C-alpha atoms as a PDB file:
ATOM      1  CA  MET A   1     -83.480 -26.970 -16.248  1.00  0.00           C
ATOM      2  CA  LEU A   2     -83.634 -24.900 -13.024  1.00  0.00           C
ATOM      3  CA  LYS A   3     -86.252 -25.080 -10.311  1.00  0.00           C
ATOM      4  CA  TYR A   4     -86.390 -22.368  -7.646  1.00  0.00           C
ATOM      5  CA  VAL A   5     -88.370 -22.515  -4.417  1.00  0.00           C
ATOM      6  CA  GLY A   6     -87.421 -19.409  -2.476  1.00  0.00           C
ATOM      7  CA  LEU A   7     -83.716 -19.524  -1.704  1.00  0.00           C
ATOM      8  CA  TRP A   8     -83.733 -23.321  -1.818  1.00  0.00           C
ATOM      9  CA  VAL A   9     -82.876 -24.596  -5.250  1.00  0.00           C
ATOM     10  CA  GLY A  10     -82.550 -27.897  -7.017  1.00  0.00           C
ATOM     11  CA  VAL A  11     -80.583 -27.733 -10.263  1.00  0.00           C
ATOM     12  CA  LEU A  12     -80.148 -30.364 -12.929  1.00  0.00           C
ATOM     13  CA  PHE A  13     -77.573 -29.829 -15.640  1.00  0.00           C
ATOM     14  CA  GLY A  14     -76.787 -32.193 -18.447  1.00  0.00           C
ATOM     15  CA  ALA A  15     -79.430 -31.830 -21.136  1.00  0.00           C
ATOM     16  CA  CYS A  16     -76.634 -31.864 -23.703  1.00  0.00           C
ATOM     17  CA  SER A  17     -74.427 -34.248 -21.779  1.00  0.00           C
ATOM     18  CA  ALA A  18     -74.449 -37.879 -20.807  1.00  0.00           C
ATOM     19  CA  GLN A  19     -73.349 -36.743 -17.372  1.00  0.00           C
ATOM     20  CA  ALA A  20     -76.106 -35.129 -15.292  1.00  0.00           C
ATOM     21  CA  LEU A  21     -75.052 -32.725 -12.534  1.00  0.00           C
ATOM     22  CA  GLU A  22     -77.457 -32.376  -9.624  1.00  0.00           C
ATOM     23  CA  LEU A  23     -77.153 -29.523  -7.119  1.00  0.00           C
ATOM     24  CA  THR A  24     -79.306 -29.224  -4.005  1.00  0.00           C
ATOM     25  CA  GLY A  25     -78.999 -26.375  -1.552  1.00  0.00           C
ATOM     26  CA  ASN A  26     -78.990 -22.601  -1.318  1.00  0.00           C
ATOM     27  CA  LEU A  27     -77.414 -20.841  -4.280  1.00  0.00           C
ATOM     28  CA  THR A  28     -76.851 -17.625  -2.374  1.00  0.00           C
ATOM     29  CA  GLN A  29     -74.244 -15.963  -0.172  1.00  0.00           C
ATOM     30  CA  GLY A  30     -73.861 -18.072   2.971  1.00  0.00           C
ATOM     31  CA  GLY A  31     -75.393 -21.133   1.324  1.00  0.00           C
ATOM     32  CA  MET A  32     -74.230 -24.736   1.316  1.00  0.00           C
ATOM     33  CA  VAL A  33     -74.723 -26.948  -1.739  1.00  0.00           C
ATOM     34  CA  ILE A  34     -74.588 -30.724  -2.078  1.00  0.00           C
ATOM     35  CA  GLY A  35     -73.826 -31.945  -5.573  1.00  0.00           C
ATOM     36  CA  LYS A  36     -73.952 -35.317  -7.271  1.00  0.00           C
ATOM     37  CA  ILE A  37     -72.454 -36.678 -10.477  1.00  0.00           C
ATOM     38  CA  ALA A  38     -72.996 -40.408 -10.778  1.00  0.00           C
ATOM     39  CA  ASP A  39     -70.012 -41.169 -12.996  1.00  0.00           C
ATOM     40  CA  ALA A  40     -67.403 -38.565 -12.048  1.00  0.00           C
ATOM     41  CA  LYS A  41     -63.756 -39.395 -11.517  1.00  0.00           C
ATOM     42  CA  SER A  42     -62.892 -35.928 -10.175  1.00  0.00           C
ATOM     43  CA  VAL A  43     -64.684 -32.610  -9.563  1.00  0.00           C
ATOM     44  CA  LYS A  44     -63.513 -29.025  -9.034  1.00  0.00           C
ATOM     45  CA  PHE A  45     -65.433 -26.008  -7.742  1.00  0.00           C
ATOM     46  CA  ASN A  46     -63.871 -22.755  -8.964  1.00  0.00           C
ATOM     47  CA  ASP A  47     -60.702 -24.808  -9.630  1.00  0.00           C
ATOM     48  CA  LYS A  48     -60.658 -26.177  -6.052  1.00  0.00           C
ATOM     49  CA  PRO A  49     -60.632 -30.010  -6.024  1.00  0.00           C
ATOM     50  CA  LEU A  50     -63.580 -31.558  -4.187  1.00  0.00           C
ATOM     51  CA  LYS A  51     -63.709 -34.901  -2.417  1.00  0.00           C
ATOM     52  CA  LEU A  52     -66.228 -37.385  -3.806  1.00  0.00           C
ATOM     53  CA  THR A  53     -68.273 -39.948  -1.862  1.00  0.00           C
ATOM     54  CA  LYS A  54     -68.622 -43.436  -3.285  1.00  0.00           C
ATOM     55  CA  ASP A  55     -71.966 -42.315  -4.747  1.00  0.00           C
ATOM     56  CA  GLY A  56     -70.457 -39.313  -6.519  1.00  0.00           C
ATOM     57  CA  GLN A  57     -71.644 -36.730  -3.994  1.00  0.00           C
ATOM     58  CA  PHE A  58     -69.710 -33.643  -2.918  1.00  0.00           C
ATOM     59  CA  VAL A  59     -70.241 -30.426  -0.992  1.00  0.00           C
ATOM     60  CA  PHE A  60     -69.188 -26.780  -1.200  1.00  0.00           C
ATOM     61  CA  GLY A  61     -70.349 -23.428   0.119  1.00  0.00           C
ATOM     62  CA  PHE A  62     -70.378 -19.678  -0.393  1.00  0.00           C
ATOM     63  CA  GLY A  63     -69.103 -17.052   2.036  1.00  0.00           C
ATOM     64  CA  ARG A  64     -70.935 -13.885   3.051  1.00  0.00           C
ATOM     65  CA  ASP A  65     -69.308 -11.794   0.325  1.00  0.00           C
ATOM     66  CA  ALA A  66     -69.059 -14.459  -2.396  1.00  0.00           C
ATOM     67  CA  GLN A  67     -69.110 -13.258  -5.989  1.00  0.00           C
ATOM     68  CA  SER A  68     -72.104 -14.074  -8.204  1.00  0.00           C
ATOM     69  CA  GLN A  69     -70.577 -16.334 -10.857  1.00  0.00           C
ATOM     70  CA  HIS A  70     -69.151 -19.799 -10.176  1.00  0.00           C
ATOM     71  CA  SER A  71     -68.173 -22.911 -12.061  1.00  0.00           C
ATOM     72  CA  LEU A  72     -67.911 -26.653 -11.660  1.00  0.00           C
ATOM     73  CA  THR A  73     -65.654 -28.802 -13.795  1.00  0.00           C
ATOM     74  CA  TRP A  74     -65.358 -32.561 -13.725  1.00  0.00           C
ATOM     75  CA  VAL A  75     -63.813 -35.524 -15.470  1.00  0.00           C
ATOM     76  CA  THR A  76     -65.857 -38.661 -16.043  1.00  0.00           C
ATOM     77  CA  THR A  77     -64.597 -42.167 -15.451  1.00  0.00           C
ATOM     78  CA  ALA A  78     -64.385 -42.400 -19.232  1.00  0.00           C
ATOM     79  CA  GLY A  79     -61.961 -39.449 -19.247  1.00  0.00           C
ATOM     80  CA  LYS A  80     -64.347 -36.867 -20.695  1.00  0.00           C
ATOM     81  CA  SER A  81     -64.123 -33.279 -19.390  1.00  0.00           C
ATOM     82  CA  GLU A  82     -67.368 -31.469 -18.535  1.00  0.00           C
ATOM     83  CA  SER A  83     -68.224 -28.094 -17.034  1.00  0.00           C
ATOM     84  CA  ALA A  84     -71.141 -25.999 -15.831  1.00  0.00           C
ATOM     85  CA  ASP A  85     -71.325 -22.303 -14.914  1.00  0.00           C
ATOM     86  CA  PHE A  86     -73.982 -20.952 -12.550  1.00  0.00           C
ATOM     87  CA  MET A  87     -74.942 -17.809 -10.660  1.00  0.00           C
ATOM     88  CA  ILE A  88     -75.811 -17.251  -7.026  1.00  0.00           C
ATOM     89  CA  THR A  89     -77.938 -14.487  -5.547  1.00  0.00           C
ATOM     90  CA  LYS A  90     -76.548 -11.666  -3.428  1.00  0.00           C
ATOM     91  CA  ARG A  91     -78.094 -10.766  -0.085  1.00  0.00           C
ATOM     92  CA  THR A  92     -78.688  -7.595   1.889  1.00  0.00           C
ATOM     93  CA  PHE A  93     -77.472  -7.881   5.478  1.00  0.00           C
ATOM     94  CA  ASN A  94     -78.571  -6.150   8.664  1.00  0.00           C
ATOM     95  CA  ILE A  95     -76.749  -3.486  10.637  1.00  0.00           C
ATOM     96  CA  ASP A  96     -76.336  -4.628  14.244  1.00  0.00           C
ATOM     97  CA  ARG A  97     -75.424  -1.979  16.831  1.00  0.00           C
ATOM     98  CA  ILE A  98     -74.397  -3.435  20.188  1.00  0.00           C
ATOM     99  CA  THR A  99     -73.711  -1.337  23.252  1.00  0.00           C
ATOM    100  CA  GLY A 100     -72.475  -2.171  26.722  1.00  0.00           C
ATOM    101  CA  VAL A 101     -69.553  -4.307  25.503  1.00  0.00           C
ATOM    102  CA  ALA A 102     -66.535  -4.263  27.833  1.00  0.00           C
ATOM    103  CA  LYS A 103     -63.790  -2.009  26.451  1.00  0.00           C
ATOM    104  CA  LYS A 104     -61.203  -4.830  26.515  1.00  0.00           C
ATOM    105  CA  TYR A 105     -63.270  -6.695  23.888  1.00  0.00           C
ATOM    106  CA  VAL A 106     -63.769  -3.694  21.603  1.00  0.00           C
ATOM    107  CA  SER A 107     -60.142  -2.515  21.615  1.00  0.00           C
ATOM    108  CA  PRO A 108     -58.037  -5.325  23.134  1.00  0.00           C
ATOM    109  CA  PRO A 109     -54.836  -4.260  24.937  1.00  0.00           C
ATOM    110  CA  ASP A 110     -51.513  -5.153  23.327  1.00  0.00           C
ATOM    111  CA  SER A 111     -50.878  -7.685  26.097  1.00  0.00           C
ATOM    112  CA  VAL A 112     -53.556 -10.065  24.725  1.00  0.00           C
ATOM    113  CA  LEU A 113     -52.925  -9.731  20.967  1.00  0.00           C
ATOM    114  CA  LYS A 114     -50.576 -12.723  20.896  1.00  0.00           C
ATOM    115  CA  ARG A 115     -53.196 -14.816  22.693  1.00  0.00           C
ATOM    116  CA  ILE A 116     -55.893 -13.749  20.217  1.00  0.00           C
ATOM    117  CA  ARG A 117     -53.712 -14.673  17.219  1.00  0.00           C
ATOM    118  CA  THR A 118     -52.788 -18.052  18.726  1.00  0.00           C
ATOM    119  CA  GLU A 119     -56.418 -18.909  19.419  1.00  0.00           C
ATOM    120  CA  ALA A 120     -57.518 -17.834  15.934  1.00  0.00           C
ATOM    121  CA  LYS A 121     -54.843 -20.065  14.401  1.00  0.00           C
ATOM    122  CA  ALA A 122     -56.015 -23.070  16.436  1.00  0.00           C
ATOM    123  CA  VAL A 123     -59.644 -22.526  15.383  1.00  0.00           C
ATOM    124  CA  LYS A 124     -58.616 -22.180  11.729  1.00  0.00           C
ATOM    125  CA  LEU A 125     -56.680 -25.446  11.945  1.00  0.00           C
ATOM    126  CA  ALA A 126     -59.688 -27.286  13.384  1.00  0.00           C
ATOM    127  CA  ARG A 127     -61.898 -25.990  10.571  1.00  0.00           C
ATOM    128  CA  ALA A 128     -59.384 -27.194   7.972  1.00  0.00           C
ATOM    129  CA  THR A 129     -60.226 -30.823   8.828  1.00  0.00           C
ATOM    130  CA  SER A 130     -61.232 -32.864   5.784  1.00  0.00           C
ATOM    131  CA  SER A 131     -62.403 -36.229   7.084  1.00  0.00           C
ATOM    132  CA  ASN A 132     -64.342 -38.937   5.249  1.00  0.00           C
ATOM    133  CA  LEU A 133     -67.408 -38.536   7.482  1.00  0.00           C
ATOM    134  CA  THR A 134     -70.605 -38.027   5.492  1.00  0.00           C
ATOM    135  CA  TYR A 135     -72.896 -36.602   8.185  1.00  0.00           C
ATOM    136  CA  PHE A 136     -73.077 -33.355   6.180  1.00  0.00           C
ATOM    137  CA  LEU A 137     -75.614 -35.198   4.006  1.00  0.00           C
ATOM    138  CA  ASP A 138     -78.058 -35.447   6.937  1.00  0.00           C
ATOM    139  CA  PRO A 139     -80.697 -32.861   7.948  1.00  0.00           C
ATOM    140  CA  VAL A 140     -79.375 -30.051  10.177  1.00  0.00           C
ATOM    141  CA  LEU A 141     -81.489 -29.715  13.320  1.00  0.00           C
ATOM    142  CA  LYS A 142     -81.865 -26.837  15.791  1.00  0.00           C
ATOM    143  CA  PRO A 143     -79.208 -27.174  18.529  1.00  0.00           C
ATOM    144  CA  ALA A 144     -80.947 -25.360  21.412  1.00  0.00           C
ATOM    145  CA  LYS A 145     -84.183 -23.837  22.623  1.00  0.00           C
ATOM    146  CA  GLY A 146     -84.355 -20.063  22.652  1.00  0.00           C
ATOM    147  CA  ARG A 147     -85.050 -16.804  20.873  1.00  0.00           C
ATOM    148  CA  ILE A 148     -83.143 -15.899  17.696  1.00  0.00           C
ATOM    149  CA  SER A 149     -81.295 -12.765  18.825  1.00  0.00           C
ATOM    150  CA  GLY A 150     -78.719 -12.338  16.069  1.00  0.00           C
ATOM    151  CA  VAL A 151     -78.439 -13.419  12.443  1.00  0.00           C
ATOM    152  CA  TYR A 152     -75.696 -14.244   9.980  1.00  0.00           C
ATOM    153  CA  GLY A 153     -74.010 -11.523   7.978  1.00  0.00           C
ATOM    154  CA  SER A 154     -74.960  -8.525  10.118  1.00  0.00           C
ATOM    155  CA  GLN A 155     -72.423  -5.691  10.039  1.00  0.00           C
ATOM    156  CA  ARG A 156     -71.587  -5.159  13.686  1.00  0.00           C
ATOM    157  CA  PHE A 157     -70.830  -2.022  15.616  1.00  0.00           C
ATOM    158  CA  PHE A 158     -69.595  -2.500  19.180  1.00  0.00           C
ATOM    159  CA  ASN A 159     -70.080   0.601  21.311  1.00  0.00           C
ATOM    160  CA  GLY A 160     -70.333   2.570  18.060  1.00  0.00           C
ATOM    161  CA  LYS A 161     -67.143   1.160  16.517  1.00  0.00           C
ATOM    162  CA  PRO A 162     -67.350  -0.930  13.308  1.00  0.00           C
ATOM    163  CA  ARG A 163     -66.056  -4.488  13.628  1.00  0.00           C
ATOM    164  CA  ASN A 164     -66.244  -7.720  11.617  1.00  0.00           C
ATOM    165  CA  PRO A 165     -69.668  -8.959  10.470  1.00  0.00           C
ATOM    166  CA  HIS A 166     -71.444 -11.571  12.532  1.00  0.00           C
ATOM    167  CA  TYR A 167     -70.994 -15.038  11.046  1.00  0.00           C
ATOM    168  CA  GLY A 168     -73.354 -17.056  13.205  1.00  0.00           C
ATOM    169  CA  LEU A 169     -76.918 -17.515  14.359  1.00  0.00           C
ATOM    170  CA  ASP A 170     -77.498 -16.386  17.960  1.00  0.00           C
ATOM    171  CA  ILE A 171     -79.951 -18.334  20.118  1.00  0.00           C
ATOM    172  CA  ALA A 172     -80.610 -16.519  23.394  1.00  0.00           C
ATOM    173  CA  ASN A 173     -81.528 -18.409  26.545  1.00  0.00           C
ATOM    174  CA  LYS A 174     -80.445 -18.609  30.155  1.00  0.00           C
ATOM    175  CA  THR A 175     -77.045 -19.910  31.241  1.00  0.00           C
ATOM    176  CA  GLY A 176     -77.103 -23.691  31.574  1.00  0.00           C
ATOM    177  CA  THR A 177     -79.587 -24.314  28.756  1.00  0.00           C
ATOM    178  CA  PRO A 178     -78.562 -27.560  26.972  1.00  0.00           C
ATOM    179  CA  VAL A 179     -76.890 -27.477  23.552  1.00  0.00           C
ATOM    180  CA  TRP A 180     -77.532 -30.595  21.461  1.00  0.00           C
ATOM    181  CA  ALA A 181     -75.565 -31.766  18.426  1.00  0.00           C
ATOM    182  CA  PRO A 182     -77.577 -30.788  15.325  1.00  0.00           C
ATOM    183  CA  LEU A 183     -75.616 -33.331  13.264  1.00  0.00           C
ATOM    184  CA  SER A 184     -73.433 -36.278  14.173  1.00  0.00           C
ATOM    185  CA  GLY A 185     -69.687 -35.801  13.961  1.00  0.00           C
ATOM    186  CA  THR A 186     -66.330 -35.749  15.726  1.00  0.00           C
ATOM    187  CA  VAL A 187     -65.137 -33.052  18.120  1.00  0.00           C
ATOM    188  CA  THR A 188     -62.023 -31.343  16.725  1.00  0.00           C
ATOM    189  CA  PHE A 189     -61.809 -28.417  19.167  1.00  0.00           C
ATOM    190  CA  ALA A 190     -62.950 -27.923  22.762  1.00  0.00           C
ATOM    191  CA  GLN A 191     -61.662 -25.031  24.876  1.00  0.00           C
ATOM    192  CA  ASP A 192     -63.435 -23.309  27.755  1.00  0.00           C
ATOM    193  CA  ASP A 193     -61.799 -19.874  27.707  1.00  0.00           C
ATOM    194  CA  LEU A 194     -61.004 -18.247  24.361  1.00  0.00           C
ATOM    195  CA  TYR A 195     -60.602 -14.482  24.542  1.00  0.00           C
ATOM    196  CA  TYR A 196     -63.460 -13.489  22.232  1.00  0.00           C
ATOM    197  CA  SER A 197     -65.616 -16.611  22.097  1.00  0.00           C
ATOM    198  CA  GLY A 198     -65.219 -18.011  25.624  1.00  0.00           C
ATOM    199  CA  GLY A 199     -66.206 -21.679  25.793  1.00  0.00           C
ATOM    200  CA  THR A 200     -65.865 -22.997  22.244  1.00  0.00           C
ATOM    201  CA  VAL A 201     -66.524 -26.356  20.554  1.00  0.00           C
ATOM    202  CA  ILE A 202     -66.028 -27.325  16.904  1.00  0.00           C
ATOM    203  CA  ILE A 203     -67.551 -30.501  15.450  1.00  0.00           C
ATOM    204  CA  ASP A 204     -66.436 -32.022  12.148  1.00  0.00           C
ATOM    205  CA  HIS A 205     -69.215 -33.414   9.943  1.00  0.00           C
ATOM    206  CA  GLY A 206     -67.023 -34.461   7.021  1.00  0.00           C
ATOM    207  CA  TYR A 207     -65.666 -33.159   3.711  1.00  0.00           C
ATOM    208  CA  GLY A 208     -64.733 -29.770   5.178  1.00  0.00           C
ATOM    209  CA  ILE A 209     -68.112 -29.074   6.809  1.00  0.00           C
ATOM    210  CA  SER A 210     -67.878 -28.147  10.483  1.00  0.00           C
ATOM    211  CA  SER A 211     -70.079 -26.458  13.065  1.00  0.00           C
ATOM    212  CA  THR A 212     -68.927 -24.142  15.866  1.00  0.00           C
ATOM    213  CA  TYR A 213     -70.542 -23.313  19.208  1.00  0.00           C
ATOM    214  CA  ILE A 214     -69.308 -20.363  21.248  1.00  0.00           C
ATOM    215  CA  HIS A 215     -69.908 -18.465  24.510  1.00  0.00           C
ATOM    216  CA  LEU A 216     -70.533 -21.831  26.198  1.00  0.00           C
ATOM    217  CA  ASP A 217     -70.800 -22.093  29.982  1.00  0.00           C
ATOM    218  CA  LYS A 218     -69.879 -25.783  30.288  1.00  0.00           C
ATOM    219  CA  ILE A 219     -68.443 -28.277  27.796  1.00  0.00           C
ATOM    220  CA  HIS A 220     -69.163 -31.993  28.222  1.00  0.00           C
ATOM    221  CA  VAL A 221     -66.961 -33.411  25.433  1.00  0.00           C
ATOM    222  CA  ASN A 222     -63.278 -33.612  24.568  1.00  0.00           C
ATOM    223  CA  VAL A 223     -61.331 -33.489  21.314  1.00  0.00           C
ATOM    224  CA  GLY A 224     -61.668 -36.820  19.518  1.00  0.00           C
ATOM    225  CA  ASP A 225     -65.083 -37.672  20.953  1.00  0.00           C
ATOM    226  CA  SER A 226     -67.763 -38.888  18.566  1.00  0.00           C
ATOM    227  CA  VAL A 227     -71.132 -37.210  19.056  1.00  0.00           C
ATOM    228  CA  SER A 228     -74.445 -38.440  17.732  1.00  0.00           C
ATOM    229  CA  VAL A 229     -77.199 -36.089  16.624  1.00  0.00           C
ATOM    230  CA  GLY A 230     -79.182 -35.027  19.687  1.00  0.00           C
ATOM    231  CA  LYS A 231     -76.347 -35.480  22.178  1.00  0.00           C
ATOM    232  CA  HIS A 232     -76.218 -32.894  24.975  1.00  0.00           C
ATOM    233  CA  PHE A 233     -72.577 -31.808  24.648  1.00  0.00           C
ATOM    234  CA  ALA A 234     -72.501 -28.299  26.127  1.00  0.00           C
ATOM    235  CA  ASP A 235     -74.504 -25.591  27.898  1.00  0.00           C
ATOM    236  CA  ILE A 236     -75.353 -22.054  26.811  1.00  0.00           C
ATOM    237  CA  GLY A 237     -73.339 -19.401  28.632  1.00  0.00           C
ATOM    238  CA  ALA A 238     -72.168 -15.803  28.641  1.00  0.00           C
ATOM    239  CA  THR A 239     -68.419 -16.276  28.256  1.00  0.00           C
ATOM    240  CA  GLY A 240     -66.150 -14.153  26.063  1.00  0.00           C
ATOM    241  CA  ARG A 241     -67.408 -11.040  24.268  1.00  0.00           C
ATOM    242  CA  VAL A 242     -71.115 -10.998  25.116  1.00  0.00           C
ATOM    243  CA  THR A 243     -73.762  -8.771  26.669  1.00  0.00           C
ATOM    244  CA  GLY A 244     -75.921 -11.702  27.819  1.00  0.00           C
ATOM    245  CA  PRO A 245     -76.182 -15.513  27.712  1.00  0.00           C
ATOM    246  CA  HIS A 246     -76.698 -17.037  24.286  1.00  0.00           C
ATOM    247  CA  LEU A 247     -75.375 -19.636  21.858  1.00  0.00           C
ATOM    248  CA  ASP A 248     -73.500 -18.314  18.824  1.00  0.00           C
ATOM    249  CA  TRP A 249     -73.831 -21.180  16.328  1.00  0.00           C
ATOM    250  CA  ARG A 250     -71.735 -21.227  13.167  1.00  0.00           C
ATOM    251  CA  PHE A 251     -71.166 -23.401  10.094  1.00  0.00           C
ATOM    252  CA  ASN A 252     -68.119 -23.567   7.856  1.00  0.00           C
ATOM    253  CA  TRP A 253     -66.999 -25.179   4.649  1.00  0.00           C
ATOM    254  CA  PHE A 254     -63.278 -25.004   5.421  1.00  0.00           C
ATOM    255  CA  GLY A 255     -62.610 -21.235   5.629  1.00  0.00           C
ATOM    256  CA  GLU A 256     -65.934 -20.209   4.086  1.00  0.00           C
ATOM    257  CA  ARG A 257     -68.473 -19.098   6.688  1.00  0.00           C
ATOM    258  CA  LEU A 258     -71.965 -20.415   6.001  1.00  0.00           C
ATOM    259  CA  ASP A 259     -75.360 -19.333   7.326  1.00  0.00           C
ATOM    260  CA  PRO A 260     -76.778 -21.873   9.834  1.00  0.00           C
ATOM    261  CA  GLN A 261     -80.275 -20.468   9.399  1.00  0.00           C
ATOM    262  CA  LEU A 262     -80.311 -21.459   5.725  1.00  0.00           C
ATOM    263  CA  LEU A 263     -79.436 -25.032   6.691  1.00  0.00           C
ATOM    264  CA  MET A 264     -81.505 -25.469   9.836  1.00  0.00           C
ATOM    265  CA  ASN A 265     -84.562 -27.658  10.137  1.00  0.00           C
ATOM    266  CA  ASP A 266     -86.762 -26.284  12.949  1.00  0.00           C
ATOM    267  CA  THR A 267     -86.896 -29.702  14.645  1.00  0.00           C
ATOM    268  CA  LEU A 268     -84.993 -29.625  17.941  1.00  0.00           C
ATOM    269  CA  ALA A 269     -81.977 -31.931  17.926  1.00  0.00           C
ATOM    270  CA  ASN A 270     -82.838 -33.389  21.348  1.00  0.00           C
ATOM    271  CA  LYS A 271     -86.066 -34.843  19.950  1.00  0.00           C
ATOM    272  CA  SER A 272     -84.124 -36.891  17.412  1.00  0.00           C
ATOM    273  CA  SER A 273     -82.251 -38.658  20.222  1.00  0.00           C
ATOM    274  CA  LYS A 274     -85.563 -39.867  21.690  1.00  0.00           C
ATOM    275  CA  LYS A 275     -86.816 -41.622  18.584  1.00  0.00           C
END
């Protein structure tokens, strides 16, 4: 039985099985899905082992260019093997042409290539965190006030030259605008001067789900800090490769880049801290 409401989907498998598989989320490129199997001993997504909560919940996601067909396999506590195949929808992404970008950010000089590689490695390591936090199960709130000025998946051209797609949601506002934690978690990365992304923070929400905040003006947390939803932990800025102040907000499931806009509840995160 499948029930679709726009891109949001709830799926229940198991009509011919004692083990029901529940999936909630966006079955599309850039989507995140939370699954549940009440009596599973182990679960794999496309042959990748997934961590299970005590209630049999797990999470996975699809990158921008994910293929259409996927599979879940699991073993019950009774030792029985089960499986389910499913399809996701493909998306059409925007073309984003940006002009006025400083030449050093479009075609970096050889002198900074080592720095760029080192920084990329550090960010990748932070996103590889697989903690036992379960904040990924909570609603994802909006982290800042402002206009949506860029969306996930857009193929980008800087000064007419094709570059990597955009993997975040841009929220434009003036420098110094507060950034609030949209989910609780632990800070795994906090640096104020990366070459491309400028001030950058990564927060771990558990089970491979992390959120990233870049182009920040000021950072008010350190690695290892716990942040509660609604905490003011940074300020919007115009650092790194930008043409104006904004927050570039990203979500990951390990190395898979997810679409924050698919996950986001329109409620501002700062309101949750005042309840």
